Protein backbone atom coordinates (compact mmCIF):
# COMPACT_ATOMS: atom_id res chain seq x y z
CA UNK A 1 -12.21 93.71 76.62
CA UNK A 2 -9.84 95.47 74.71
CA UNK A 3 -7.22 93.83 72.37
CA UNK A 4 -4.27 94.79 74.58
CA UNK A 5 -5.89 93.37 77.92
CA UNK A 6 -6.80 90.14 75.26
CA UNK A 7 -3.29 89.34 74.28
CA UNK A 8 -2.24 90.14 78.22
CA UNK A 9 -5.30 87.42 78.82
CA UNK A 10 -3.65 85.14 75.75
CA UNK A 11 -0.20 85.59 77.16
CA UNK A 12 -0.91 84.40 80.82
CA UNK A 13 -2.91 81.60 79.68
CA UNK A 14 -0.14 80.34 77.53
CA UNK A 15 2.24 81.32 79.72
CA UNK A 16 0.26 79.10 82.43
CA UNK A 17 -0.61 76.41 79.77
CA UNK A 18 2.71 76.25 78.45
CA UNK A 19 4.53 73.73 80.54
CA UNK A 20 1.38 71.15 80.63
CA UNK A 21 1.87 72.04 76.41
CA UNK A 22 5.29 70.66 76.73
CA UNK A 23 5.06 68.38 78.55
CA UNK A 24 2.04 66.55 75.88
CA UNK A 25 4.22 67.39 72.52
CA UNK A 26 7.45 65.55 74.66
CA UNK A 27 5.13 62.64 75.52
CA UNK A 28 3.97 62.40 72.22
CA UNK A 29 7.39 62.74 70.71
CA UNK A 30 8.46 60.32 73.21
CA UNK A 31 6.03 57.77 72.23
CA UNK A 32 6.46 58.30 68.09
CA UNK A 33 10.82 57.37 69.28
CA UNK A 34 9.65 54.58 71.18
CA UNK A 35 7.78 53.29 68.43
CA UNK A 36 10.47 53.49 66.19
CA UNK A 37 13.53 52.83 68.29
CA UNK A 38 11.24 49.25 68.64
CA UNK A 39 10.86 48.56 65.24
CA UNK A 40 15.10 49.06 64.61
CA UNK A 41 15.46 46.75 67.27
CA UNK A 42 12.68 44.12 65.98
CA UNK A 43 14.58 44.16 62.31
CA UNK A 44 18.02 43.99 64.00
CA UNK A 45 16.92 41.03 65.84
CA UNK A 46 15.58 39.47 62.85
CA UNK A 47 18.98 40.27 60.82
CA UNK A 48 20.72 38.96 63.63
CA UNK A 49 18.64 35.46 63.61
CA UNK A 50 19.15 35.21 59.94
CA UNK A 51 23.07 35.75 60.54
CA UNK A 52 22.76 32.68 62.61
CA UNK A 53 21.27 30.92 60.28
CA UNK A 54 23.86 31.55 57.27
CA UNK A 55 26.53 30.82 59.95
CA UNK A 56 24.91 27.68 60.62
CA UNK A 57 24.31 26.73 56.51
CA UNK A 58 27.73 27.44 55.94
CA UNK A 59 29.23 25.11 58.69
CA UNK A 60 27.07 22.45 57.66
CA UNK A 61 28.54 23.24 54.22
CA UNK A 62 32.02 22.86 55.65
CA UNK A 63 31.49 20.13 57.18
CA UNK A 64 30.10 18.82 54.16
CA UNK A 65 26.89 18.38 56.13
CA UNK A 66 24.79 19.79 52.82
CA UNK A 67 26.40 20.27 49.17
CA UNK A 68 27.23 23.06 47.32
CA UNK A 69 23.62 23.70 45.31
CA UNK A 70 21.55 23.52 48.40
CA UNK A 71 24.24 25.98 50.23
CA UNK A 72 24.10 28.29 47.69
CA UNK A 73 20.03 28.18 47.59
CA UNK A 74 20.36 28.66 51.58
CA UNK A 75 22.61 31.53 50.75
CA UNK A 76 20.59 33.60 48.42
CA UNK A 77 17.48 33.36 50.22
CA UNK A 78 19.07 34.39 52.95
CA UNK A 79 20.93 37.27 51.03
CA UNK A 80 17.48 38.56 49.86
CA UNK A 81 15.75 38.61 53.08
CA UNK A 82 19.36 40.29 54.61
CA UNK A 83 18.99 43.06 51.85
CA UNK A 84 15.19 43.54 52.26
CA UNK A 85 15.96 44.33 55.97
CA UNK A 86 18.82 46.26 55.81
CA UNK A 87 16.95 48.78 53.55
CA UNK A 88 13.83 48.18 56.04
CA UNK A 89 16.71 49.33 59.35
CA UNK A 90 17.98 52.31 56.99
CA UNK A 91 14.47 53.46 56.40
CA UNK A 92 13.78 53.52 60.37
CA UNK A 93 17.33 54.68 61.31
CA UNK A 94 16.23 57.91 58.43
CA UNK A 95 12.55 58.29 60.11
CA UNK A 96 14.34 58.32 63.54
CA UNK A 97 16.91 61.37 62.91
CA UNK A 98 13.91 62.99 61.21
CA UNK A 99 11.70 62.71 64.06
CA UNK A 100 14.77 63.83 66.31
CA UNK A 101 15.25 60.80 68.10
CA UNK A 102 18.89 60.32 68.21
């Protein structure tokens, strides 16, 4: 088979396979996006849980149920965890953007 015929045959095969290849690529991309977007939601849920806990602790401090030192310890723990989760969230959003999930 001559070079031109090989190129033509390859082109025909590529045209035939291109919808399947595109579909496969789309499935892989959607799965990758699903994973990173799910991870973002998980982190954001953890952050919301932390906000709920610190809101409760703040209310307990304002109502006198806990003292200033205990409140400061709770707030410090929450702030540390929140900063870590915020950094994780930012990294996941950047990953999602890089994967063109948005």
